[in-house]
Amino acid sequence: MNRKLYPKNWESIALEIKEAADWHCQECQRPCKRPSQSWDEFDHELYGNAVHFGGTKWYMDLFDDYDSDDDPKYRRFVLTVAHLDHNPANCNYDNLKALCSVCHLRYDAHHHAKKAASTRARKRQQKLESNGQLNLFGT
């Protein structure tokens, strides 16, 4: 994330989007941790909701597939804000969506793959040119 591409008030814009979504992913409905909550408080809230509402979906997801050091998967419960057009300067509310980190990565996957491919091609071209090889076809 290149902060220089975002408006100076991005933090307040993102907070407003997250608050409007009640700290739930707008794609999968996953509850996410609020900034004022400790991870222990969030863990208790997830467990309490699982017991009270008869479902353990999100609570079990917290501990599913431990990292190699046996830490819970807290990063799955971090709410982010996605730019639907992938343009960080476009902060119109219809272009922003509160997504958990999992859904945000999934949403951006195709865009990131395209950017990575063009970056690799540009670096290959730069390497060829730095070695004195010119591309006759401009690609």
C-alpha atoms as a PDB file:
ATOM      1  CA  MET A   1       0.000   0.000   0.000  1.00  0.00           C
ATOM      2  CA  ASN A   2       1.593   3.241  -1.146  1.00  0.00           C
ATOM      3  CA  ARG A   3       0.215   5.877   1.259  1.00  0.00           C
ATOM      4  CA  LYS A   4       1.260   8.657  -1.129  1.00  0.00           C
ATOM      5  CA  LEU A   5      -1.533   7.564  -3.508  1.00  0.00           C
ATOM      6  CA  TYR A   6      -4.250   7.996  -0.864  1.00  0.00           C
ATOM      7  CA  PRO A   7      -5.852  11.253   0.267  1.00  0.00           C
ATOM      8  CA  LYS A   8      -4.574  12.800   3.498  1.00  0.00           C
ATOM      9  CA  ASN A   9      -7.872  11.995   5.268  1.00  0.00           C
ATOM     10  CA  TRP A  10      -7.882   8.310   4.198  1.00  0.00           C
ATOM     11  CA  GLU A  11      -7.904   7.027   7.796  1.00  0.00           C
ATOM     12  CA  SER A  12     -11.109   8.917   8.617  1.00  0.00           C
ATOM     13  CA  ILE A  13     -12.736   7.859   5.318  1.00  0.00           C
ATOM     14  CA  ALA A  14     -11.853   4.208   5.966  1.00  0.00           C
ATOM     15  CA  LEU A  15     -13.120   4.412   9.550  1.00  0.00           C
ATOM     16  CA  GLU A  16     -16.426   5.830   8.319  1.00  0.00           C
ATOM     17  CA  ILE A  17     -16.854   2.954   5.830  1.00  0.00           C
ATOM     18  CA  LYS A  18     -16.045   0.362   8.522  1.00  0.00           C
ATOM     19  CA  GLU A  19     -18.444   1.958  11.009  1.00  0.00           C
ATOM     20  CA  ALA A  20     -21.215   2.028   8.382  1.00  0.00           C
ATOM     21  CA  ALA A  21     -20.665  -1.729   7.865  1.00  0.00           C
ATOM     22  CA  ASP A  22     -20.851  -2.262  11.664  1.00  0.00           C
ATOM     23  CA  TRP A  23     -17.366  -3.834  11.526  1.00  0.00           C
ATOM     24  CA  HIS A  24     -18.568  -6.749   9.380  1.00  0.00           C
ATOM     25  CA  CYS A  25     -17.220  -7.752   5.978  1.00  0.00           C
ATOM     26  CA  GLN A  26     -19.691  -6.626   3.326  1.00  0.00           C
ATOM     27  CA  GLU A  27     -18.847  -9.715   1.260  1.00  0.00           C
ATOM     28  CA  CYS A  28     -18.856 -12.713   3.655  1.00  0.00           C
ATOM     29  CA  GLN A  29     -20.405 -11.019   6.739  1.00  0.00           C
ATOM     30  CA  ARG A  30     -17.410 -12.001   8.912  1.00  0.00           C
ATOM     31  CA  PRO A  31     -17.355  -9.953  12.151  1.00  0.00           C
ATOM     32  CA  CYS A  32     -14.102  -8.039  12.542  1.00  0.00           C
ATOM     33  CA  LYS A  33     -12.225  -6.584  15.487  1.00  0.00           C
ATOM     34  CA  ARG A  34     -12.883  -2.958  16.345  1.00  0.00           C
ATOM     35  CA  PRO A  35      -9.862  -0.756  17.146  1.00  0.00           C
ATOM     36  CA  SER A  36     -11.033  -0.304  20.749  1.00  0.00           C
ATOM     37  CA  GLN A  37     -11.187  -4.087  21.374  1.00  0.00           C
ATOM     38  CA  SER A  38      -8.333  -6.228  22.581  1.00  0.00           C
ATOM     39  CA  TRP A  39      -7.937  -9.572  20.844  1.00  0.00           C
ATOM     40  CA  ASP A  40      -9.045 -11.272  24.076  1.00  0.00           C
ATOM     41  CA  GLU A  41     -12.246  -9.199  24.124  1.00  0.00           C
ATOM     42  CA  PHE A  42     -12.855  -9.987  20.469  1.00  0.00           C
ATOM     43  CA  ASP A  43     -12.220 -13.696  21.102  1.00  0.00           C
ATOM     44  CA  HIS A  44     -14.773 -13.653  23.967  1.00  0.00           C
ATOM     45  CA  GLU A  45     -17.297 -11.816  21.787  1.00  0.00           C
ATOM     46  CA  LEU A  46     -16.933 -14.373  18.990  1.00  0.00           C
ATOM     47  CA  TYR A  47     -17.230 -17.257  21.452  1.00  0.00           C
ATOM     48  CA  GLY A  48     -20.237 -15.680  23.189  1.00  0.00           C
ATOM     49  CA  ASN A  49     -22.006 -15.150  19.879  1.00  0.00           C
ATOM     50  CA  ALA A  50     -21.202 -18.712  18.816  1.00  0.00           C
ATOM     51  CA  VAL A  51     -22.702 -20.135  22.011  1.00  0.00           C
ATOM     52  CA  HIS A  52     -25.631 -17.695  22.194  1.00  0.00           C
ATOM     53  CA  PHE A  53     -26.640 -17.954  18.532  1.00  0.00           C
ATOM     54  CA  GLY A  54     -25.866 -21.664  18.180  1.00  0.00           C
ATOM     55  CA  GLY A  55     -23.157 -21.333  15.541  1.00  0.00           C
ATOM     56  CA  THR A  56     -19.402 -21.642  15.775  1.00  0.00           C
ATOM     57  CA  LYS A  57     -18.570 -20.664  12.183  1.00  0.00           C
ATOM     58  CA  TRP A  58     -16.490 -17.544  12.893  1.00  0.00           C
ATOM     59  CA  TYR A  59     -15.123 -18.677  16.254  1.00  0.00           C
ATOM     60  CA  MET A  60     -13.828 -21.943  14.812  1.00  0.00           C
ATOM     61  CA  ASP A  61     -12.364 -20.015  11.866  1.00  0.00           C
ATOM     62  CA  LEU A  62     -10.243 -18.119  14.373  1.00  0.00           C
ATOM     63  CA  PHE A  63      -8.424 -21.313  15.323  1.00  0.00           C
ATOM     64  CA  ASP A  64      -8.669 -23.274  12.068  1.00  0.00           C
ATOM     65  CA  ASP A  65      -5.311 -24.009  10.380  1.00  0.00           C
ATOM     66  CA  TYR A  66      -2.936 -22.627  12.996  1.00  0.00           C
ATOM     67  CA  ASP A  67       0.205 -20.897  11.824  1.00  0.00           C
ATOM     68  CA  SER A  68       3.393 -22.870  12.297  1.00  0.00           C
ATOM     69  CA  ASP A  69       3.876 -21.149  15.676  1.00  0.00           C
ATOM     70  CA  ASP A  70       0.308 -22.088  16.750  1.00  0.00           C
ATOM     71  CA  ASP A  71      -1.011 -18.507  16.782  1.00  0.00           C
ATOM     72  CA  PRO A  72      -4.707 -18.037  16.037  1.00  0.00           C
ATOM     73  CA  LYS A  73      -5.603 -16.592  12.636  1.00  0.00           C
ATOM     74  CA  TYR A  74      -6.351 -13.087  13.876  1.00  0.00           C
ATOM     75  CA  ARG A  75      -5.498 -11.471  10.537  1.00  0.00           C
ATOM     76  CA  ARG A  76      -8.673 -13.041   9.096  1.00  0.00           C
ATOM     77  CA  PHE A  77     -10.662 -10.713  11.355  1.00  0.00           C
ATOM     78  CA  VAL A  78      -9.076  -7.430  10.277  1.00  0.00           C
ATOM     79  CA  LEU A  79     -11.473  -5.178   8.385  1.00  0.00           C
ATOM     80  CA  THR A  80     -10.037  -3.251   5.453  1.00  0.00           C
ATOM     81  CA  VAL A  81     -11.531  -0.913   2.868  1.00  0.00           C
ATOM     82  CA  ALA A  82     -11.271  -1.804  -0.801  1.00  0.00           C
ATOM     83  CA  HIS A  83     -11.335   0.584  -3.740  1.00  0.00           C
ATOM     84  CA  LEU A  84     -13.579  -1.257  -6.182  1.00  0.00           C
ATOM     85  CA  ASP A  85     -11.892   0.398  -9.181  1.00  0.00           C
ATOM     86  CA  HIS A  86      -8.392  -0.131  -7.657  1.00  0.00           C
ATOM     87  CA  ASN A  87      -7.772   3.629  -7.742  1.00  0.00           C
ATOM     88  CA  PRO A  88      -6.789   4.889  -4.248  1.00  0.00           C
ATOM     89  CA  ALA A  89      -7.525   8.478  -5.236  1.00  0.00           C
ATOM     90  CA  ASN A  90     -11.193   7.636  -5.969  1.00  0.00           C
ATOM     91  CA  CYS A  91     -12.781   7.777  -2.541  1.00  0.00           C
ATOM     92  CA  ASN A  92     -16.395   8.124  -3.617  1.00  0.00           C
ATOM     93  CA  TYR A  93     -18.476   6.066  -1.226  1.00  0.00           C
ATOM     94  CA  ASP A  94     -19.942   3.960  -4.030  1.00  0.00           C
ATOM     95  CA  ASN A  95     -16.350   2.949  -4.898  1.00  0.00           C
ATOM     96  CA  LEU A  96     -15.469   1.792  -1.363  1.00  0.00           C
ATOM     97  CA  LYS A  97     -16.390  -1.444   0.377  1.00  0.00           C
ATOM     98  CA  ALA A  98     -15.537  -2.813   3.833  1.00  0.00           C
ATOM     99  CA  LEU A  99     -13.914  -6.220   3.345  1.00  0.00           C
ATOM    100  CA  CYS A 100     -12.151  -8.609   5.718  1.00  0.00           C
ATOM    101  CA  SER A 101      -8.543  -9.244   4.769  1.00  0.00           C
ATOM    102  CA  VAL A 102      -9.454 -12.590   3.153  1.00  0.00           C
ATOM    103  CA  CYS A 103     -12.150 -11.117   0.896  1.00  0.00           C
ATOM    104  CA  HIS A 104     -10.002  -8.063   0.087  1.00  0.00           C
ATOM    105  CA  LEU A 105      -7.133 -10.275  -1.089  1.00  0.00           C
ATOM    106  CA  ARG A 106      -9.561 -12.371  -3.118  1.00  0.00           C
ATOM    107  CA  TYR A 107     -11.117  -9.231  -4.672  1.00  0.00           C
ATOM    108  CA  ASP A 108      -7.716  -7.797  -5.623  1.00  0.00           C
ATOM    109  CA  ALA A 109      -6.112 -11.055  -6.822  1.00  0.00           C
ATOM    110  CA  HIS A 110      -6.709 -10.559 -10.560  1.00  0.00           C
ATOM    111  CA  HIS A 111      -5.629  -6.909 -10.423  1.00  0.00           C
ATOM    112  CA  HIS A 112      -2.441  -7.799  -8.506  1.00  0.00           C
ATOM    113  CA  ALA A 113      -1.616 -10.596 -10.952  1.00  0.00           C
ATOM    114  CA  LYS A 114      -1.941  -8.214 -13.919  1.00  0.00           C
ATOM    115  CA  LYS A 115       0.229  -5.587 -12.223  1.00  0.00           C
ATOM    116  CA  ALA A 116       2.862  -8.184 -11.304  1.00  0.00           C
ATOM    117  CA  ALA A 117       3.001  -9.476 -14.890  1.00  0.00           C
ATOM    118  CA  SER A 118       3.469  -5.981 -16.309  1.00  0.00           C
ATOM    119  CA  THR A 119       6.125  -5.196 -13.676  1.00  0.00           C
ATOM    120  CA  ARG A 120       8.039  -8.381 -14.542  1.00  0.00           C
ATOM    121  CA  ALA A 121       7.870  -7.534 -18.274  1.00  0.00           C
ATOM    122  CA  ARG A 122       9.081  -3.973 -17.625  1.00  0.00           C
ATOM    123  CA  LYS A 123      11.988  -5.228 -15.495  1.00  0.00           C
ATOM    124  CA  ARG A 124      12.968  -7.782 -18.160  1.00  0.00           C
ATOM    125  CA  GLN A 125      12.974  -5.021 -20.757  1.00  0.00           C
ATOM    126  CA  GLN A 126      15.050  -2.739 -18.518  1.00  0.00           C
ATOM    127  CA  LYS A 127      17.560  -5.522 -17.954  1.00  0.00           C
ATOM    128  CA  LEU A 128      17.878  -6.168 -21.691  1.00  0.00           C
ATOM    129  CA  GLU A 129      18.338  -2.469 -22.401  1.00  0.00           C
ATOM    130  CA  SER A 130      20.928  -2.114 -19.630  1.00  0.00           C
ATOM    131  CA  ASN A 131      22.889  -4.916 -21.324  1.00  0.00           C
ATOM    132  CA  GLY A 132      22.816  -2.997 -24.609  1.00  0.00           C
ATOM    133  CA  GLN A 133      20.021  -5.032 -26.215  1.00  0.00           C
ATOM    134  CA  LEU A 134      17.252  -3.012 -27.788  1.00  0.00           C
ATOM    135  CA  ASN A 135      13.753  -4.268 -28.489  1.00  0.00           C
ATOM    136  CA  LEU A 136      12.837  -3.759 -32.133  1.00  0.00           C
ATOM    137  CA  PHE A 137       9.116  -4.283 -31.634  1.00  0.00           C
ATOM    138  CA  GLY A 138       8.461  -1.897 -28.716  1.00  0.00           C
ATOM    139  CA  THR A 139       7.040  -4.552 -26.391  1.00  0.00           C
END
